[in-house]
Amino acid sequence: MRKYLILSFLFLLPFSSIAQENNYFLMLKNKKVNVRYGPSFDYPIKYIYRKIELPLKVIDKKENFRRIIDHKKNSGWIHISQLRVSRSIITKSEKILFKKPSKYSKPLAKLGEGRLLKVNKCKEKWCNIKTGDYSGWIVKDDNIWGIIN
C-alpha cells in the first residue's frame, strides 16, 4: 500500500508544478510595451503599456509569449523579452508607510490606491519598499497586487 502511495505521489508531482507555473508575476522591462491579441507578432496590438516595472500576472504561455493580466483585469499577450522577474507591487487601496516594520512605529506617508512600489525585501507580515522620495515598511495583505517574497 505504501509503495502505491509513493508512486502516485511521484506521478502527480510534475502535474502540480505545471499548475503552479501559471501563477507567477513578472514586470515590464521597458517604458513602452506592446500587448497583442494573440501569441505572435502577426497579431495586432491591443494596447500599449507605458509604465516600466508594472507587475503583471502570467496566466498562460505559448512559446516566447506570455498571456498576462494586470491589476485592472486587462489581459493580452507580451513577448518574454519585454518582461523580467517582478520586484514591484501596486496598492489596491490606501496604505500607510511606516518607518519600521511595526504598526506602532512612526507613519511616514499615506500611499494612494494604484501606487507603484519597488520591493527591497519582505519579512513575515511586512515589506520594505521604495516609492518616489519615500522608503519604509508596509503591511503585507490582500490589498496589494504583485508577488511578495
C-alpha atoms as a PDB file:
ATOM      1  CA  MET A   1       0.000   0.000   0.000  1.00  0.00           C
ATOM      2  CA  ARG A   2       2.783   2.391   0.954  1.00  0.00           C
ATOM      3  CA  LYS A   3       4.517   1.685  -2.342  1.00  0.00           C
ATOM      4  CA  TYR A   4       1.383   2.703  -4.289  1.00  0.00           C
ATOM      5  CA  LEU A   5       1.062   5.936  -2.332  1.00  0.00           C
ATOM      6  CA  ILE A   6       4.658   6.891  -3.074  1.00  0.00           C
ATOM      7  CA  LEU A   7       4.274   6.013  -6.771  1.00  0.00           C
ATOM      8  CA  SER A   8       1.040   8.021  -7.078  1.00  0.00           C
ATOM      9  CA  PHE A   9       2.674  10.990  -5.328  1.00  0.00           C
ATOM     10  CA  LEU A  10       5.674  10.863  -7.680  1.00  0.00           C
ATOM     11  CA  PHE A  11       3.332  10.596 -10.677  1.00  0.00           C
ATOM     12  CA  LEU A  12       1.234  13.623  -9.640  1.00  0.00           C
ATOM     13  CA  LEU A  13       4.176  15.831  -8.622  1.00  0.00           C
ATOM     14  CA  PRO A  14       5.013  17.080 -12.160  1.00  0.00           C
ATOM     15  CA  PHE A  15       1.362  17.979 -12.776  1.00  0.00           C
ATOM     16  CA  SER A  16       1.184  20.115  -9.638  1.00  0.00           C
ATOM     17  CA  SER A  17       4.241  22.104 -10.763  1.00  0.00           C
ATOM     18  CA  ILE A  18       2.601  22.704 -14.163  1.00  0.00           C
ATOM     19  CA  ALA A  19      -0.499  24.071 -12.447  1.00  0.00           C
ATOM     20  CA  GLN A  20       1.582  26.400 -10.259  1.00  0.00           C
ATOM     21  CA  GLU A  21       3.768  27.535 -13.166  1.00  0.00           C
ATOM     22  CA  ASN A  22       0.991  29.814 -14.471  1.00  0.00           C
ATOM     23  CA  ASN A  23       0.607  31.620 -11.155  1.00  0.00           C
ATOM     24  CA  TYR A  24       3.588  33.922 -11.067  1.00  0.00           C
ATOM     25  CA  PHE A  25       4.301  37.606 -11.563  1.00  0.00           C
ATOM     26  CA  LEU A  26       6.624  39.359 -13.963  1.00  0.00           C
ATOM     27  CA  MET A  27       7.125  43.080 -14.507  1.00  0.00           C
ATOM     28  CA  LEU A  28       7.640  45.262 -17.560  1.00  0.00           C
ATOM     29  CA  LYS A  29      11.251  45.727 -18.562  1.00  0.00           C
ATOM     30  CA  ASN A  30      10.767  48.788 -20.811  1.00  0.00           C
ATOM     31  CA  LYS A  31       8.871  52.094 -20.827  1.00  0.00           C
ATOM     32  CA  LYS A  32       6.825  51.109 -23.896  1.00  0.00           C
ATOM     33  CA  VAL A  33       5.496  47.538 -24.259  1.00  0.00           C
ATOM     34  CA  ASN A  34       3.002  46.290 -26.861  1.00  0.00           C
ATOM     35  CA  VAL A  35       0.222  43.960 -25.730  1.00  0.00           C
ATOM     36  CA  ARG A  36      -1.174  41.789 -28.525  1.00  0.00           C
ATOM     37  CA  TYR A  37      -4.410  39.885 -29.138  1.00  0.00           C
ATOM     38  CA  GLY A  38      -2.540  36.618 -29.619  1.00  0.00           C
ATOM     39  CA  PRO A  39       0.828  34.913 -29.008  1.00  0.00           C
ATOM     40  CA  SER A  40       2.653  36.100 -32.136  1.00  0.00           C
ATOM     41  CA  PHE A  41       3.956  39.267 -33.775  1.00  0.00           C
ATOM     42  CA  ASP A  42       1.382  38.580 -36.517  1.00  0.00           C
ATOM     43  CA  TYR A  43      -1.458  39.542 -34.154  1.00  0.00           C
ATOM     44  CA  PRO A  44      -2.433  43.224 -33.967  1.00  0.00           C
ATOM     45  CA  ILE A  45      -1.550  45.399 -30.971  1.00  0.00           C
ATOM     46  CA  LYS A  46      -4.388  45.521 -28.432  1.00  0.00           C
ATOM     47  CA  TYR A  47      -2.930  48.325 -26.299  1.00  0.00           C
ATOM     48  CA  ILE A  48       0.424  49.697 -25.125  1.00  0.00           C
ATOM     49  CA  TYR A  49       1.782  49.845 -21.583  1.00  0.00           C
ATOM     50  CA  ARG A  50       3.866  52.926 -20.799  1.00  0.00           C
ATOM     51  CA  LYS A  51       4.831  52.141 -17.189  1.00  0.00           C
ATOM     52  CA  ILE A  52       8.185  50.488 -16.556  1.00  0.00           C
ATOM     53  CA  GLU A  53       8.261  47.901 -13.722  1.00  0.00           C
ATOM     54  CA  LEU A  54       4.461  47.402 -13.760  1.00  0.00           C
ATOM     55  CA  PRO A  55       3.732  43.988 -12.165  1.00  0.00           C
ATOM     56  CA  LEU A  56       1.701  41.578 -14.315  1.00  0.00           C
ATOM     57  CA  LYS A  57       0.342  38.122 -13.525  1.00  0.00           C
ATOM     58  CA  VAL A  58       1.168  35.387 -16.052  1.00  0.00           C
ATOM     59  CA  ILE A  59      -1.927  33.270 -16.789  1.00  0.00           C
ATOM     60  CA  ASP A  60      -0.739  31.335 -19.858  1.00  0.00           C
ATOM     61  CA  LYS A  61       2.262  30.862 -22.095  1.00  0.00           C
ATOM     62  CA  LYS A  62       2.945  29.810 -25.659  1.00  0.00           C
ATOM     63  CA  GLU A  63       6.498  29.603 -26.957  1.00  0.00           C
ATOM     64  CA  ASN A  64       8.100  33.043 -26.342  1.00  0.00           C
ATOM     65  CA  PHE A  65       4.865  34.853 -25.442  1.00  0.00           C
ATOM     66  CA  ARG A  66       3.149  35.171 -22.077  1.00  0.00           C
ATOM     67  CA  ARG A  67      -0.540  35.897 -21.559  1.00  0.00           C
ATOM     68  CA  ILE A  68      -0.790  38.401 -18.750  1.00  0.00           C
ATOM     69  CA  ILE A  69      -3.427  40.120 -16.677  1.00  0.00           C
ATOM     70  CA  ASP A  70      -2.914  43.402 -14.816  1.00  0.00           C
ATOM     71  CA  HIS A  71      -4.405  44.838 -11.624  1.00  0.00           C
ATOM     72  CA  LYS A  72      -7.297  46.342 -13.645  1.00  0.00           C
ATOM     73  CA  LYS A  73      -8.145  42.947 -15.222  1.00  0.00           C
ATOM     74  CA  ASN A  74      -6.781  43.903 -18.681  1.00  0.00           C
ATOM     75  CA  SER A  75      -5.225  40.941 -20.464  1.00  0.00           C
ATOM     76  CA  GLY A  76      -3.221  40.159 -23.582  1.00  0.00           C
ATOM     77  CA  TRP A  77      -0.005  38.627 -24.909  1.00  0.00           C
ATOM     78  CA  ILE A  78       3.514  40.061 -24.420  1.00  0.00           C
ATOM     79  CA  HIS A  79       6.819  38.766 -25.773  1.00  0.00           C
ATOM     80  CA  ILE A  80       9.037  37.411 -22.989  1.00  0.00           C
ATOM     81  CA  SER A  81      11.872  39.788 -23.964  1.00  0.00           C
ATOM     82  CA  GLN A  82       9.748  42.671 -22.632  1.00  0.00           C
ATOM     83  CA  LEU A  83       9.360  41.090 -19.169  1.00  0.00           C
ATOM     84  CA  ARG A  84      11.577  40.295 -16.176  1.00  0.00           C
ATOM     85  CA  VAL A  85      11.278  38.894 -12.656  1.00  0.00           C
ATOM     86  CA  SER A  86       8.947  41.036 -10.577  1.00  0.00           C
ATOM     87  CA  ARG A  87      10.216  43.126  -7.671  1.00  0.00           C
ATOM     88  CA  SER A  88       7.326  45.571  -7.635  1.00  0.00           C
ATOM     89  CA  ILE A  89       3.757  45.758  -6.337  1.00  0.00           C
ATOM     90  CA  ILE A  90       0.747  48.050  -6.740  1.00  0.00           C
ATOM     91  CA  THR A  91      -1.526  49.156  -3.919  1.00  0.00           C
ATOM     92  CA  LYS A  92      -5.190  48.163  -4.358  1.00  0.00           C
ATOM     93  CA  SER A  93      -6.272  50.521  -1.568  1.00  0.00           C
ATOM     94  CA  GLU A  94      -4.729  53.257   0.585  1.00  0.00           C
ATOM     95  CA  LYS A  95      -1.754  52.071   2.653  1.00  0.00           C
ATOM     96  CA  ILE A  96       0.313  53.648   5.420  1.00  0.00           C
ATOM     97  CA  LEU A  97       4.086  53.683   5.022  1.00  0.00           C
ATOM     98  CA  PHE A  98       5.860  53.150   8.352  1.00  0.00           C
ATOM     99  CA  LYS A  99       9.459  53.870   9.369  1.00  0.00           C
ATOM    100  CA  LYS A 100       9.904  50.394  10.900  1.00  0.00           C
ATOM    101  CA  PRO A 101       8.021  47.072  10.467  1.00  0.00           C
ATOM    102  CA  SER A 102       5.552  47.803  13.277  1.00  0.00           C
ATOM    103  CA  LYS A 103       2.153  49.498  13.392  1.00  0.00           C
ATOM    104  CA  TYR A 104       3.441  51.397  16.427  1.00  0.00           C
ATOM    105  CA  SER A 105       6.353  52.997  14.563  1.00  0.00           C
ATOM    106  CA  LYS A 106       6.276  56.464  13.011  1.00  0.00           C
ATOM    107  CA  PRO A 107       3.976  56.757   9.956  1.00  0.00           C
ATOM    108  CA  LEU A 108       5.842  58.394   7.059  1.00  0.00           C
ATOM    109  CA  ALA A 109       3.215  58.740   4.324  1.00  0.00           C
ATOM    110  CA  LYS A 110      -0.210  57.695   3.116  1.00  0.00           C
ATOM    111  CA  LEU A 111       0.072  55.833  -0.179  1.00  0.00           C
ATOM    112  CA  GLY A 112      -2.906  56.102  -2.501  1.00  0.00           C
ATOM    113  CA  GLU A 113      -4.611  53.352  -4.452  1.00  0.00           C
ATOM    114  CA  GLY A 114      -2.734  52.330  -7.612  1.00  0.00           C
ATOM    115  CA  ARG A 115       0.695  53.429  -6.359  1.00  0.00           C
ATOM    116  CA  LEU A 116       3.660  51.519  -7.832  1.00  0.00           C
ATOM    117  CA  LEU A 117       6.087  50.357  -5.136  1.00  0.00           C
ATOM    118  CA  LYS A 118       9.544  48.816  -5.575  1.00  0.00           C
ATOM    119  CA  VAL A 119      10.140  45.970  -3.122  1.00  0.00           C
ATOM    120  CA  ASN A 120      13.544  45.772  -1.414  1.00  0.00           C
ATOM    121  CA  LYS A 121      12.796  42.836   0.900  1.00  0.00           C
ATOM    122  CA  CYS A 122       9.952  41.232   2.800  1.00  0.00           C
ATOM    123  CA  LYS A 123       9.633  39.729   6.249  1.00  0.00           C
ATOM    124  CA  GLU A 124       6.723  37.751   7.697  1.00  0.00           C
ATOM    125  CA  LYS A 125       3.986  40.404   7.549  1.00  0.00           C
ATOM    126  CA  TRP A 126       5.942  43.416   6.290  1.00  0.00           C
ATOM    127  CA  CYS A 127       7.691  44.589   3.119  1.00  0.00           C
ATOM    128  CA  ASN A 128      10.398  47.235   2.832  1.00  0.00           C
ATOM    129  CA  ILE A 129       9.552  49.360  -0.202  1.00  0.00           C
ATOM    130  CA  LYS A 130      10.640  52.471  -2.066  1.00  0.00           C
ATOM    131  CA  THR A 131       8.386  54.850  -3.969  1.00  0.00           C
ATOM    132  CA  GLY A 132       9.397  58.284  -5.164  1.00  0.00           C
ATOM    133  CA  ASP A 133      11.231  60.060  -2.334  1.00  0.00           C
ATOM    134  CA  TYR A 134       9.893  57.695   0.342  1.00  0.00           C
ATOM    135  CA  SER A 135      11.115  54.382   1.646  1.00  0.00           C
ATOM    136  CA  GLY A 136       9.784  52.398   4.575  1.00  0.00           C
ATOM    137  CA  TRP A 137       7.606  49.452   5.521  1.00  0.00           C
ATOM    138  CA  ILE A 138       4.054  48.444   4.574  1.00  0.00           C
ATOM    139  CA  VAL A 139       1.865  45.613   5.830  1.00  0.00           C
ATOM    140  CA  LYS A 140       1.641  42.557   3.549  1.00  0.00           C
ATOM    141  CA  ASP A 141      -2.043  41.851   2.951  1.00  0.00           C
ATOM    142  CA  ASP A 142      -4.632  41.254   0.223  1.00  0.00           C
ATOM    143  CA  ASN A 143      -4.668  44.950  -0.751  1.00  0.00           C
ATOM    144  CA  ILE A 144      -1.564  44.711  -2.929  1.00  0.00           C
ATOM    145  CA  TRP A 145      -1.095  43.382  -6.462  1.00  0.00           C
ATOM    146  CA  GLY A 146       2.140  41.575  -7.272  1.00  0.00           C
ATOM    147  CA  ILE A 147       4.393  38.938  -5.868  1.00  0.00           C
ATOM    148  CA  ILE A 148       5.882  39.355  -2.429  1.00  0.00           C
ATOM    149  CA  ASN A 149       8.633  37.061  -1.190  1.00  0.00           C
END
